[in-house]
Amino acid sequence: MKGTLLLSSKSPNFNTLLHQSEYDAYNWQNDFSNVNTRDLGFDFASKWGNASLNFTNIDNYTYFDEDSKPQQFANQITYLKVKANREFKLGKFALDNTLMYQNVTSGSSVFRVPEFVTRNTFYYTDYWFKGKPMLVNIGITFKYFTKYNANAYNPLLAEFRLQNEEQIGFPTFDVFFNAQVRRTRLYLKVDNATSSFTDKNYFSAPNYPYRDFTVRFGLVWNWFI
């Protein structure tokens, strides 16, 4: 078990302090207080799995509101995050699971996170061919986070702002194949493999679609190890 304590006091994002633009609504100069963060964390590692627990308090949290104007939250942000990881192995097969729970008990109107996030990978690992010249790794990864009002992207500011019109939260499946022969690695990955027959409701941020069905492949040849 390991415990950590983080105390931080730093100036807000510079864009919230000063911004000059040809657009009249995007000009401001603010004198915000420092953002103060206190984080108390615990990490647990054992043969049954790994887990972490974080309690975070933030004073003077600075953000962009729905009109893309910089604001500083008058109250305190109180945030809890619990994360657990466990891998199960049976012969040449394995299931790696990572689960995360988040809860904003104070300040959820401006500090927004998905309540539950999961990432699960089922894979097969073995040596192929006589003499075991090739190590292969084949599997599928499932990712999901619960719906929430994710911040929207403002390209003029290159910043994220609050929004209350749209929720995002979607599952994805990625399929991969990796192979290694001595100093050479081959990889093939299919991103969002089920997108062709599921609802088109996957977004990285409101109005910004997540990657569609994509095939990526490559070769890595290390001259020296």
Protein backbone atom coordinates (compact mmCIF):
# COMPACT_ATOMS: atom_id res chain seq x y z
CA MET A 1 0.00 0.00 0.00
CA LYS A 2 1.24 3.48 -0.86
CA GLY A 3 -0.14 6.88 0.07
CA THR A 4 0.44 10.20 -1.69
CA LEU A 5 -0.44 13.80 -0.93
CA LEU A 6 -0.43 16.48 -3.62
CA LEU A 7 -0.70 20.18 -2.79
CA SER A 8 -0.77 22.53 -5.77
CA SER A 9 -1.35 26.25 -6.22
CA LYS A 10 -1.01 27.58 -9.74
CA SER A 11 -2.29 30.29 -12.02
CA PRO A 12 -5.35 29.45 -14.15
CA ASN A 13 -5.10 28.70 -17.85
CA PHE A 14 -3.69 31.81 -19.53
CA ASN A 15 -6.60 31.91 -22.01
CA THR A 16 -8.96 32.56 -19.08
CA LEU A 17 -6.85 35.52 -17.96
CA LEU A 18 -6.26 37.33 -21.24
CA HIS A 19 -7.63 36.88 -24.74
CA GLN A 20 -7.66 39.27 -27.70
CA SER A 21 -9.67 38.57 -30.84
CA GLU A 22 -11.32 40.23 -33.85
CA TYR A 23 -14.59 38.89 -32.41
CA ASP A 24 -15.93 41.38 -29.86
CA ALA A 25 -17.32 38.69 -27.57
CA TYR A 26 -13.91 37.04 -27.23
CA ASN A 27 -11.94 39.85 -25.60
CA TRP A 28 -11.27 39.86 -21.88
CA GLN A 29 -8.70 40.47 -19.20
CA ASN A 30 -9.32 38.86 -15.79
CA ASP A 31 -7.56 38.86 -12.45
CA PHE A 32 -8.41 35.37 -11.21
CA SER A 33 -7.05 33.78 -8.03
CA ASN A 34 -4.74 30.79 -8.10
CA VAL A 35 -6.34 27.37 -8.52
CA ASN A 36 -5.60 25.39 -5.33
CA THR A 37 -5.69 21.59 -5.50
CA ARG A 38 -5.36 19.06 -2.69
CA ASP A 39 -5.27 15.39 -3.63
CA LEU A 40 -5.01 12.49 -1.18
CA GLY A 41 -4.35 9.17 -2.89
CA PHE A 42 -3.89 5.54 -1.92
CA ASP A 43 -2.56 2.73 -4.12
CA PHE A 44 -3.06 -0.94 -3.30
CA ALA A 45 -1.16 -3.76 -5.01
CA SER A 46 -1.62 -7.48 -4.31
CA LYS A 47 -1.86 -10.85 -6.01
CA TRP A 48 -5.64 -10.35 -6.22
CA GLY A 49 -5.33 -7.13 -8.21
CA ASN A 50 -4.43 -3.46 -8.06
CA ALA A 51 -6.60 -0.57 -6.89
CA SER A 52 -6.32 3.16 -6.27
CA LEU A 53 -8.42 5.67 -4.36
CA ASN A 54 -8.22 9.46 -4.72
CA PHE A 55 -9.94 12.27 -2.82
CA THR A 56 -9.54 15.65 -4.54
CA ASN A 57 -10.54 19.16 -3.44
CA ILE A 58 -10.19 22.13 -5.81
CA ASP A 59 -10.63 25.78 -4.86
CA ASN A 60 -11.09 28.55 -7.44
CA TYR A 61 -11.72 26.07 -10.26
CA THR A 62 -11.58 28.01 -13.54
CA TYR A 63 -13.61 27.05 -16.61
CA PHE A 64 -15.41 28.36 -19.71
CA ASP A 65 -19.17 28.63 -19.35
CA GLU A 66 -21.82 27.85 -21.99
CA ASP A 67 -21.15 31.21 -23.67
CA SER A 68 -17.41 30.44 -23.81
CA LYS A 69 -16.68 33.09 -21.19
CA PRO A 70 -14.07 32.37 -18.49
CA GLN A 71 -15.44 31.93 -14.98
CA GLN A 72 -14.07 31.00 -11.59
CA PHE A 73 -16.16 28.69 -9.41
CA ALA A 74 -16.97 30.30 -6.04
CA ASN A 75 -17.37 27.02 -4.15
CA GLN A 76 -15.12 24.02 -3.65
CA ILE A 77 -14.93 21.05 -6.03
CA THR A 78 -15.00 17.70 -4.20
CA TYR A 79 -14.13 14.71 -6.35
CA LEU A 80 -13.75 10.98 -5.63
CA LYS A 81 -12.12 8.47 -7.98
CA VAL A 82 -11.83 4.71 -7.41
CA LYS A 83 -9.96 2.52 -9.90
CA ALA A 84 -9.36 -1.23 -9.91
CA ASN A 85 -7.44 -3.56 -12.22
CA ARG A 86 -7.29 -7.35 -12.32
CA GLU A 87 -6.02 -9.77 -14.96
CA PHE A 88 -7.21 -13.36 -15.14
CA LYS A 89 -5.12 -15.94 -17.00
CA LEU A 90 -5.98 -19.46 -18.14
CA GLY A 91 -3.38 -21.17 -20.28
CA LYS A 92 -2.75 -19.08 -23.37
CA PHE A 93 -5.77 -16.86 -22.80
CA ALA A 94 -6.14 -13.84 -20.54
CA LEU A 95 -8.76 -11.27 -19.56
CA ASP A 96 -7.47 -7.89 -18.38
CA ASN A 97 -10.08 -5.69 -16.67
CA THR A 98 -9.87 -2.05 -15.58
CA LEU A 99 -12.86 -0.40 -13.89
CA MET A 100 -13.14 3.18 -12.67
CA TYR A 101 -15.83 4.92 -10.62
CA GLN A 102 -16.00 8.72 -10.29
CA ASN A 103 -18.26 10.92 -8.20
CA VAL A 104 -18.32 14.70 -7.92
CA THR A 105 -20.10 15.39 -4.64
CA SER A 106 -19.71 19.17 -4.85
CA GLY A 107 -19.37 21.26 -7.99
CA SER A 108 -20.81 18.80 -10.51
CA SER A 109 -22.45 21.70 -12.36
CA VAL A 110 -19.02 22.82 -13.66
CA PHE A 111 -16.74 19.79 -13.13
CA ARG A 112 -18.12 16.93 -15.21
CA VAL A 113 -16.84 13.38 -15.58
CA PRO A 114 -18.45 10.05 -16.56
CA GLU A 115 -19.54 8.15 -13.47
CA PHE A 116 -18.36 4.74 -14.64
CA VAL A 117 -15.58 3.79 -17.09
CA THR A 118 -14.53 0.27 -18.07
CA ARG A 119 -11.84 -1.20 -20.30
CA ASN A 120 -11.68 -4.98 -20.82
CA THR A 121 -9.27 -6.85 -23.06
CA PHE A 122 -9.56 -10.55 -23.91
CA TYR A 123 -6.48 -11.88 -25.69
CA TYR A 124 -4.54 -14.95 -26.76
CA THR A 125 -0.74 -15.21 -26.60
CA ASP A 126 1.42 -18.02 -27.97
CA TYR A 127 4.47 -18.90 -30.06
CA TRP A 128 3.75 -20.04 -33.62
CA PHE A 129 5.64 -22.38 -35.96
CA LYS A 130 8.33 -24.92 -35.23
CA GLY A 131 11.10 -23.64 -33.04
CA LYS A 132 8.89 -20.84 -31.69
CA PRO A 133 10.24 -18.09 -33.99
CA MET A 134 7.14 -15.89 -33.73
CA LEU A 135 5.31 -14.60 -30.66
CA VAL A 136 1.70 -13.62 -31.48
CA ASN A 137 -0.84 -11.67 -29.50
CA ILE A 138 -4.47 -11.60 -30.73
CA GLY A 139 -7.42 -10.09 -28.92
CA ILE A 140 -10.31 -7.69 -28.61
CA THR A 141 -10.74 -4.64 -26.36
CA PHE A 142 -14.08 -3.36 -25.08
CA LYS A 143 -14.34 0.25 -23.85
CA TYR A 144 -17.33 2.05 -22.38
CA PHE A 145 -18.18 5.10 -20.29
CA THR A 146 -21.57 6.17 -18.98
CA LYS A 147 -23.37 9.10 -20.54
CA TYR A 148 -22.66 12.60 -19.26
CA ASN A 149 -22.71 16.21 -20.45
CA ALA A 150 -19.20 16.31 -21.80
CA ASN A 151 -17.66 19.70 -22.45
CA ALA A 152 -17.98 21.01 -26.01
CA TYR A 153 -14.98 22.16 -28.03
CA ASN A 154 -14.65 25.79 -29.12
CA PRO A 155 -12.22 25.93 -32.09
CA LEU A 156 -11.79 29.70 -31.83
CA LEU A 157 -10.37 29.38 -28.30
CA ALA A 158 -8.97 25.86 -28.71
CA GLU A 159 -10.63 25.21 -25.35
CA PHE A 160 -13.55 23.21 -23.97
CA ARG A 161 -16.69 24.88 -22.61
CA LEU A 162 -19.72 23.74 -20.64
CA GLN A 163 -22.81 22.55 -22.51
CA ASN A 164 -26.15 21.08 -21.39
CA GLU A 165 -27.74 20.07 -24.70
CA GLU A 166 -26.10 16.73 -25.47
CA GLN A 167 -24.84 13.69 -23.57
CA ILE A 168 -22.21 11.33 -24.88
CA GLY A 169 -21.37 7.80 -23.73
CA PHE A 170 -20.86 4.80 -25.99
CA PRO A 171 -19.23 1.34 -26.22
CA THR A 172 -16.47 0.48 -28.70
CA PHE A 173 -14.73 -2.74 -29.72
CA ASP A 174 -11.16 -2.77 -31.06
CA VAL A 175 -9.60 -5.91 -32.56
CA PHE A 176 -5.82 -6.32 -32.69
CA PHE A 177 -3.12 -8.70 -33.92
CA ASN A 178 0.52 -8.33 -32.88
CA ALA A 179 3.47 -10.49 -33.89
CA GLN A 180 7.15 -10.36 -32.98
CA VAL A 181 10.01 -12.12 -34.76
CA ARG A 182 13.31 -11.35 -33.07
CA ARG A 183 13.76 -7.58 -33.49
CA THR A 184 10.80 -7.12 -35.84
CA ARG A 185 7.23 -6.39 -34.78
CA LEU A 186 4.11 -6.49 -36.94
CA TYR A 187 0.81 -5.05 -35.82
CA LEU A 188 -2.73 -4.81 -37.16
CA LYS A 189 -5.55 -3.02 -35.37
CA VAL A 190 -9.21 -2.52 -36.28
CA ASP A 191 -10.64 0.49 -34.42
CA ASN A 192 -14.36 0.67 -33.61
CA ALA A 193 -14.94 -2.66 -35.33
CA THR A 194 -18.71 -2.72 -34.72
CA SER A 195 -19.48 0.76 -36.04
CA SER A 196 -20.82 -0.53 -39.37
CA PHE A 197 -23.90 -2.12 -37.74
CA THR A 198 -24.42 -0.06 -34.57
CA ASP A 199 -25.98 3.36 -34.00
CA LYS A 200 -23.85 6.28 -35.13
CA ASN A 201 -23.80 7.86 -31.69
CA TYR A 202 -20.11 7.84 -30.85
CA PHE A 203 -18.52 11.24 -30.22
CA SER A 204 -15.23 12.38 -28.68
CA ALA A 205 -17.01 15.64 -27.80
CA PRO A 206 -20.40 17.05 -28.86
CA ASN A 207 -20.39 17.54 -32.65
CA TYR A 208 -16.98 15.86 -32.97
CA PRO A 209 -17.39 12.22 -34.07
CA TYR A 210 -15.12 9.53 -32.68
CA ARG A 211 -13.13 7.61 -35.28
CA ASP A 212 -15.20 5.37 -37.55
CA PHE A 213 -14.25 1.85 -38.66
CA THR A 214 -10.49 2.14 -39.23
CA VAL A 215 -7.78 -0.39 -40.02
CA ARG A 216 -4.24 0.44 -38.97
CA PHE A 217 -1.19 -1.70 -39.63
CA GLY A 218 2.54 -1.31 -39.50
CA LEU A 219 6.01 -2.75 -39.19
CA VAL A 220 8.62 -1.91 -36.56
CA TRP A 221 12.17 -3.09 -37.16
CA ASN A 222 14.65 -2.38 -34.39
CA TRP A 223 18.21 -2.26 -35.64
CA PHE A 224 19.61 -2.39 -32.13
CA ILE A 225 18.17 -3.62 -28.84
